[in-house]
Amino acid sequence: MLDTHARRWVEPVIGAVARLLHRAGLSANAVTVLAMLTGVLAALWVAAGWAWTGIAVLWLSGLLDAADGALARMTRTSPFGAILDITFDRVVEIAMIVALAWRYPQARFILVILAGIIAVAMSLFLSIAAALRNHSVKSFHYAPGLGERTEAFICISLMIAGPGHLAAWTGLFIGVIVYTMAQRLRHAARVLAAEDAG
């Protein structure tokens, strides 16, 4: 939701970072890789017990992840770049889940459930992207919903910062994902019905 509706407020910062990275000679795909490596580094900080450092580095990873798309639109977008972006986003999320499971073994069961829900949600997201015509600036049809990248980072940050309530924060994240899946299914059904009627 925030990625879709609040984008215009942070777009100047994202654009400035993208221009800086472009002047440094980095390609969009290189920034995508850098964002993933930064996110994995954040997970390592979390696993080592440096929670606030991990959160700060995670959000730096998110900024780079947003800047890679802006950089691609400034230079040249590619389907391969979109594949890297979607895949590496999941690498960061799973790295964080593994780090939290390592640090807090008592929460491993609900963290495994979260990882499974993310896998199902991404299958749905990609199925919808493949089934619907694309009319956006993205490389594929993007079905918006409550839980987008920023909401995921907020939930993960709460999970890291509040380990005493890790199960509750993880449950909240699962709830956000499940609600988003329902939104995206309704969206796909409406669009497909409209296409069939037209």
C-alpha atoms as a PDB file:
ATOM      1  CA  MET A   1       0.000   0.000   0.000  1.00  0.00           C
ATOM      2  CA  LEU A   2       2.701   2.492   0.975  1.00  0.00           C
ATOM      3  CA  ASP A   3       4.783   1.602  -2.099  1.00  0.00           C
ATOM      4  CA  THR A   4       1.810   2.495  -4.303  1.00  0.00           C
ATOM      5  CA  HIS A   5       0.294   5.465  -2.470  1.00  0.00           C
ATOM      6  CA  ALA A   6       3.255   7.146  -0.768  1.00  0.00           C
ATOM      7  CA  ARG A   7       5.724   6.749  -3.617  1.00  0.00           C
ATOM      8  CA  ARG A   8       5.398  10.367  -4.733  1.00  0.00           C
ATOM      9  CA  TRP A   9       6.631  11.594  -1.330  1.00  0.00           C
ATOM     10  CA  VAL A  10       9.867   9.599  -1.428  1.00  0.00           C
ATOM     11  CA  GLU A  11      10.403   9.666  -5.197  1.00  0.00           C
ATOM     12  CA  PRO A  12      12.759  12.722  -5.028  1.00  0.00           C
ATOM     13  CA  VAL A  13      15.063  10.863  -2.603  1.00  0.00           C
ATOM     14  CA  ILE A  14      14.929   7.640  -4.643  1.00  0.00           C
ATOM     15  CA  GLY A  15      15.628   9.599  -7.837  1.00  0.00           C
ATOM     16  CA  ALA A  16      18.578  11.404  -6.248  1.00  0.00           C
ATOM     17  CA  VAL A  17      20.082   8.104  -5.074  1.00  0.00           C
ATOM     18  CA  ALA A  18      19.536   6.578  -8.538  1.00  0.00           C
ATOM     19  CA  ARG A  19      21.310   9.524 -10.200  1.00  0.00           C
ATOM     20  CA  LEU A  20      24.199   9.226  -7.731  1.00  0.00           C
ATOM     21  CA  LEU A  21      24.547   5.510  -8.461  1.00  0.00           C
ATOM     22  CA  HIS A  22      24.380   6.207 -12.200  1.00  0.00           C
ATOM     23  CA  ARG A  23      27.183   8.778 -11.913  1.00  0.00           C
ATOM     24  CA  ALA A  24      29.180   6.142  -9.996  1.00  0.00           C
ATOM     25  CA  GLY A  25      28.896   3.916 -13.071  1.00  0.00           C
ATOM     26  CA  LEU A  26      26.634   1.263 -11.574  1.00  0.00           C
ATOM     27  CA  SER A  27      24.016  -0.489 -13.669  1.00  0.00           C
ATOM     28  CA  ALA A  28      20.512  -1.181 -12.386  1.00  0.00           C
ATOM     29  CA  ASN A  29      21.300  -4.894 -12.112  1.00  0.00           C
ATOM     30  CA  ALA A  30      24.461  -4.150 -10.129  1.00  0.00           C
ATOM     31  CA  VAL A  31      22.390  -2.059  -7.703  1.00  0.00           C
ATOM     32  CA  THR A  32      19.890  -4.924  -7.405  1.00  0.00           C
ATOM     33  CA  VAL A  33      22.732  -7.249  -6.406  1.00  0.00           C
ATOM     34  CA  LEU A  34      24.117  -4.605  -4.022  1.00  0.00           C
ATOM     35  CA  ALA A  35      20.678  -4.215  -2.403  1.00  0.00           C
ATOM     36  CA  MET A  36      20.458  -7.986  -1.878  1.00  0.00           C
ATOM     37  CA  LEU A  37      23.965  -8.220  -0.409  1.00  0.00           C
ATOM     38  CA  THR A  38      23.194  -5.296   1.910  1.00  0.00           C
ATOM     39  CA  GLY A  39      20.001  -7.027   3.042  1.00  0.00           C
ATOM     40  CA  VAL A  40      21.879 -10.264   3.756  1.00  0.00           C
ATOM     41  CA  LEU A  41      24.469  -8.231   5.697  1.00  0.00           C
ATOM     42  CA  ALA A  42      21.586  -6.778   7.736  1.00  0.00           C
ATOM     43  CA  ALA A  43      20.445 -10.318   8.515  1.00  0.00           C
ATOM     44  CA  LEU A  44      23.955 -11.215   9.690  1.00  0.00           C
ATOM     45  CA  TRP A  45      23.907  -8.217  12.050  1.00  0.00           C
ATOM     46  CA  VAL A  46      20.559  -9.401  13.418  1.00  0.00           C
ATOM     47  CA  ALA A  47      21.852 -12.949  13.882  1.00  0.00           C
ATOM     48  CA  ALA A  48      24.841 -11.521  15.785  1.00  0.00           C
ATOM     49  CA  GLY A  49      22.525  -9.611  18.132  1.00  0.00           C
ATOM     50  CA  TRP A  50      23.038  -6.122  16.703  1.00  0.00           C
ATOM     51  CA  ALA A  51      19.335  -5.452  16.231  1.00  0.00           C
ATOM     52  CA  TRP A  52      19.345  -1.700  15.556  1.00  0.00           C
ATOM     53  CA  THR A  53      22.326  -1.935  13.211  1.00  0.00           C
ATOM     54  CA  GLY A  54      20.484  -4.713  11.379  1.00  0.00           C
ATOM     55  CA  ILE A  55      17.357  -2.567  11.064  1.00  0.00           C
ATOM     56  CA  ALA A  56      19.345   0.432   9.747  1.00  0.00           C
ATOM     57  CA  VAL A  57      21.191  -1.705   7.186  1.00  0.00           C
ATOM     58  CA  LEU A  58      17.906  -3.386   6.185  1.00  0.00           C
ATOM     59  CA  TRP A  59      16.370  -0.001   5.351  1.00  0.00           C
ATOM     60  CA  LEU A  60      19.516   0.967   3.416  1.00  0.00           C
ATOM     61  CA  SER A  61      18.943  -2.235   1.433  1.00  0.00           C
ATOM     62  CA  GLY A  62      15.354  -1.112   0.836  1.00  0.00           C
ATOM     63  CA  LEU A  63      16.517   2.277  -0.432  1.00  0.00           C
ATOM     64  CA  LEU A  64      18.901   0.604  -2.871  1.00  0.00           C
ATOM     65  CA  ASP A  65      16.116  -1.776  -3.914  1.00  0.00           C
ATOM     66  CA  ALA A  66      13.883   1.185  -4.743  1.00  0.00           C
ATOM     67  CA  ALA A  67      16.708   3.031  -6.498  1.00  0.00           C
ATOM     68  CA  ASP A  68      17.463   0.128  -8.843  1.00  0.00           C
ATOM     69  CA  GLY A  69      14.046   0.480 -10.480  1.00  0.00           C
ATOM     70  CA  ALA A  70      14.461   4.244 -10.852  1.00  0.00           C
ATOM     71  CA  LEU A  71      17.916   3.691 -12.335  1.00  0.00           C
ATOM     72  CA  ALA A  72      16.555   1.088 -14.761  1.00  0.00           C
ATOM     73  CA  ARG A  73      13.893   3.552 -15.964  1.00  0.00           C
ATOM     74  CA  MET A  74      16.608   6.222 -16.421  1.00  0.00           C
ATOM     75  CA  THR A  75      18.764   3.874 -18.500  1.00  0.00           C
ATOM     76  CA  ARG A  76      17.167   0.691 -19.816  1.00  0.00           C
ATOM     77  CA  THR A  77      14.675  -1.633 -18.168  1.00  0.00           C
ATOM     78  CA  SER A  78      14.976  -5.361 -18.794  1.00  0.00           C
ATOM     79  CA  PRO A  79      12.936  -8.462 -17.984  1.00  0.00           C
ATOM     80  CA  PHE A  80      16.081 -10.013 -16.512  1.00  0.00           C
ATOM     81  CA  GLY A  81      16.381  -7.089 -14.111  1.00  0.00           C
ATOM     82  CA  ALA A  82      12.798  -7.652 -12.970  1.00  0.00           C
ATOM     83  CA  ILE A  83      13.586 -11.335 -12.380  1.00  0.00           C
ATOM     84  CA  LEU A  84      16.639 -10.436 -10.284  1.00  0.00           C
ATOM     85  CA  ASP A  85      14.670  -7.852  -8.328  1.00  0.00           C
ATOM     86  CA  ILE A  86      11.812 -10.171  -7.376  1.00  0.00           C
ATOM     87  CA  THR A  87      14.148 -13.072  -6.551  1.00  0.00           C
ATOM     88  CA  PHE A  88      16.598 -11.045  -4.477  1.00  0.00           C
ATOM     89  CA  ASP A  89      13.763  -9.418  -2.501  1.00  0.00           C
ATOM     90  CA  ARG A  90      12.830 -12.910  -1.317  1.00  0.00           C
ATOM     91  CA  VAL A  91      16.486 -13.706  -0.542  1.00  0.00           C
ATOM     92  CA  VAL A  92      16.566 -10.749   1.870  1.00  0.00           C
ATOM     93  CA  GLU A  93      13.273 -11.734   3.507  1.00  0.00           C
ATOM     94  CA  ILE A  94      14.340 -15.369   3.960  1.00  0.00           C
ATOM     95  CA  ALA A  95      17.768 -14.280   5.238  1.00  0.00           C
ATOM     96  CA  MET A  96      16.013 -12.205   7.901  1.00  0.00           C
ATOM     97  CA  ILE A  97      13.724 -15.094   8.855  1.00  0.00           C
ATOM     98  CA  VAL A  98      16.745 -17.424   9.165  1.00  0.00           C
ATOM     99  CA  ALA A  99      18.599 -14.814  11.261  1.00  0.00           C
ATOM    100  CA  LEU A 100      15.640 -14.444  13.626  1.00  0.00           C
ATOM    101  CA  ALA A 101      15.209 -18.232  13.840  1.00  0.00           C
ATOM    102  CA  TRP A 102      18.908 -18.535  14.682  1.00  0.00           C
ATOM    103  CA  ARG A 103      18.697 -15.830  17.344  1.00  0.00           C
ATOM    104  CA  TYR A 104      15.339 -16.853  18.823  1.00  0.00           C
ATOM    105  CA  PRO A 105      14.888 -20.648  18.467  1.00  0.00           C
ATOM    106  CA  GLN A 106      11.664 -20.551  20.499  1.00  0.00           C
ATOM    107  CA  ALA A 107       9.991 -18.716  17.575  1.00  0.00           C
ATOM    108  CA  ARG A 108      11.167 -21.077  14.828  1.00  0.00           C
ATOM    109  CA  PHE A 109       7.794 -22.707  14.215  1.00  0.00           C
ATOM    110  CA  ILE A 110       5.922 -19.475  13.480  1.00  0.00           C
ATOM    111  CA  LEU A 111       8.891 -18.218  11.439  1.00  0.00           C
ATOM    112  CA  VAL A 112       8.698 -21.369   9.276  1.00  0.00           C
ATOM    113  CA  ILE A 113       4.982 -20.642   8.785  1.00  0.00           C
ATOM    114  CA  LEU A 114       5.888 -17.093   7.720  1.00  0.00           C
ATOM    115  CA  ALA A 115       8.412 -18.405   5.176  1.00  0.00           C
ATOM    116  CA  GLY A 116       5.779 -20.752   3.743  1.00  0.00           C
ATOM    117  CA  ILE A 117       3.172 -17.972   3.538  1.00  0.00           C
ATOM    118  CA  ILE A 118       5.678 -15.761   1.692  1.00  0.00           C
ATOM    119  CA  ALA A 119       6.289 -18.587  -0.817  1.00  0.00           C
ATOM    120  CA  VAL A 120       2.546 -19.023  -1.436  1.00  0.00           C
ATOM    121  CA  ALA A 121       2.001 -15.263  -1.682  1.00  0.00           C
ATOM    122  CA  MET A 122       4.770 -14.901  -4.265  1.00  0.00           C
ATOM    123  CA  SER A 123       3.347 -17.770  -6.298  1.00  0.00           C
ATOM    124  CA  LEU A 124       0.009 -15.970  -6.356  1.00  0.00           C
ATOM    125  CA  PHE A 125       1.636 -12.620  -7.159  1.00  0.00           C
ATOM    126  CA  LEU A 126       3.597 -14.044 -10.092  1.00  0.00           C
ATOM    127  CA  SER A 127       0.616 -16.042 -11.372  1.00  0.00           C
ATOM    128  CA  ILE A 128      -1.469 -12.871 -11.468  1.00  0.00           C
ATOM    129  CA  ALA A 129       1.375 -10.983 -13.152  1.00  0.00           C
ATOM    130  CA  ALA A 130       1.544 -13.676 -15.845  1.00  0.00           C
ATOM    131  CA  ALA A 131      -2.221 -13.826 -16.347  1.00  0.00           C
ATOM    132  CA  LEU A 132      -3.047 -10.116 -16.612  1.00  0.00           C
ATOM    133  CA  ARG A 133      -2.032  -7.594 -19.246  1.00  0.00           C
ATOM    134  CA  ASN A 134       0.525  -5.046 -18.098  1.00  0.00           C
ATOM    135  CA  HIS A 135      -0.422  -1.361 -18.291  1.00  0.00           C
ATOM    136  CA  SER A 136       2.098  -0.010 -15.773  1.00  0.00           C
ATOM    137  CA  VAL A 137       5.669   1.296 -15.823  1.00  0.00           C
ATOM    138  CA  LYS A 138       6.794  -1.972 -14.244  1.00  0.00           C
ATOM    139  CA  SER A 139       7.963  -4.955 -16.292  1.00  0.00           C
ATOM    140  CA  PHE A 140       4.833  -6.938 -15.392  1.00  0.00           C
ATOM    141  CA  HIS A 141       1.296  -6.393 -14.123  1.00  0.00           C
ATOM    142  CA  TYR A 142       1.651  -5.266 -10.515  1.00  0.00           C
ATOM    143  CA  ALA A 143      -1.341  -6.093  -8.321  1.00  0.00           C
ATOM    144  CA  PRO A 144      -1.267  -3.652  -5.380  1.00  0.00           C
ATOM    145  CA  GLY A 145      -2.325  -4.613  -1.887  1.00  0.00           C
ATOM    146  CA  LEU A 146      -1.987  -3.817   1.791  1.00  0.00           C
ATOM    147  CA  GLY A 147       1.343  -5.593   2.173  1.00  0.00           C
ATOM    148  CA  GLU A 148       3.985  -4.356  -0.242  1.00  0.00           C
ATOM    149  CA  ARG A 149       7.754  -3.991   0.238  1.00  0.00           C
ATOM    150  CA  THR A 150       7.586  -1.112   2.731  1.00  0.00           C
ATOM    151  CA  GLU A 151       5.024  -2.875   4.916  1.00  0.00           C
ATOM    152  CA  ALA A 152       7.216  -5.982   4.878  1.00  0.00           C
ATOM    153  CA  PHE A 153      10.177  -3.910   6.077  1.00  0.00           C
ATOM    154  CA  ILE A 154       8.045  -2.356   8.829  1.00  0.00           C
ATOM    155  CA  CYS A 155       6.911  -5.795  10.008  1.00  0.00           C
ATOM    156  CA  ILE A 156      10.443  -7.208   9.882  1.00  0.00           C
ATOM    157  CA  SER A 157      11.759  -4.173  11.781  1.00  0.00           C
ATOM    158  CA  LEU A 158       9.144  -4.716  14.505  1.00  0.00           C
ATOM    159  CA  MET A 159      10.116  -8.401  14.672  1.00  0.00           C
ATOM    160  CA  ILE A 160      13.788  -7.463  15.112  1.00  0.00           C
ATOM    161  CA  ALA A 161      13.225  -4.605  17.572  1.00  0.00           C
ATOM    162  CA  GLY A 162      10.655  -6.400  19.732  1.00  0.00           C
ATOM    163  CA  PRO A 163      11.935  -9.941  20.288  1.00  0.00           C
ATOM    164  CA  GLY A 164       9.830 -10.239  23.452  1.00  0.00           C
ATOM    165  CA  HIS A 165       6.783 -10.153  21.183  1.00  0.00           C
ATOM    166  CA  LEU A 166       8.387 -11.842  18.169  1.00  0.00           C
ATOM    167  CA  ALA A 167       5.581 -14.373  17.752  1.00  0.00           C
ATOM    168  CA  ALA A 168       2.954 -11.602  17.835  1.00  0.00           C
ATOM    169  CA  TRP A 169       4.818  -9.431  15.312  1.00  0.00           C
ATOM    170  CA  THR A 170       5.347 -12.461  13.080  1.00  0.00           C
ATOM    171  CA  GLY A 171       1.634 -13.250  13.351  1.00  0.00           C
ATOM    172  CA  LEU A 172       0.873  -9.663  12.326  1.00  0.00           C
ATOM    173  CA  PHE A 173       3.142 -10.031   9.289  1.00  0.00           C
ATOM    174  CA  ILE A 174       1.409 -13.292   8.351  1.00  0.00           C
ATOM    175  CA  GLY A 175      -1.976 -11.567   8.699  1.00  0.00           C
ATOM    176  CA  VAL A 176      -0.873  -8.696   6.448  1.00  0.00           C
ATOM    177  CA  ILE A 177       0.325 -11.159   3.791  1.00  0.00           C
ATOM    178  CA  VAL A 178      -2.858 -13.262   3.918  1.00  0.00           C
ATOM    179  CA  TYR A 179      -5.050 -10.147   3.654  1.00  0.00           C
ATOM    180  CA  THR A 180      -2.956  -8.936   0.708  1.00  0.00           C
ATOM    181  CA  MET A 181      -3.362 -12.299  -1.017  1.00  0.00           C
ATOM    182  CA  ALA A 182      -7.146 -11.969  -0.686  1.00  0.00           C
ATOM    183  CA  GLN A 183      -6.974  -8.426  -2.110  1.00  0.00           C
ATOM    184  CA  ARG A 184      -4.914  -9.593  -5.071  1.00  0.00           C
ATOM    185  CA  LEU A 185      -7.227 -12.514  -5.790  1.00  0.00           C
ATOM    186  CA  ARG A 186     -10.223 -10.138  -5.828  1.00  0.00           C
ATOM    187  CA  HIS A 187      -8.293  -7.721  -8.056  1.00  0.00           C
ATOM    188  CA  ALA A 188      -7.404 -10.496 -10.513  1.00  0.00           C
ATOM    189  CA  ALA A 189     -10.996 -11.766 -10.586  1.00  0.00           C
ATOM    190  CA  ARG A 190     -12.319  -8.245 -11.332  1.00  0.00           C
ATOM    191  CA  VAL A 191      -9.774  -7.549 -14.084  1.00  0.00           C
ATOM    192  CA  LEU A 192     -10.287 -10.939 -15.745  1.00  0.00           C
ATOM    193  CA  ALA A 193     -14.071 -10.544 -15.573  1.00  0.00           C
ATOM    194  CA  ALA A 194     -13.788  -7.096 -17.171  1.00  0.00           C
ATOM    195  CA  GLU A 195     -11.509  -8.441 -19.909  1.00  0.00           C
ATOM    196  CA  ASP A 196     -13.952 -11.288 -20.630  1.00  0.00           C
ATOM    197  CA  ALA A 197     -16.868  -8.844 -20.758  1.00  0.00           C
ATOM    198  CA  GLY A 198     -14.952  -6.497 -23.075  1.00  0.00           C
END
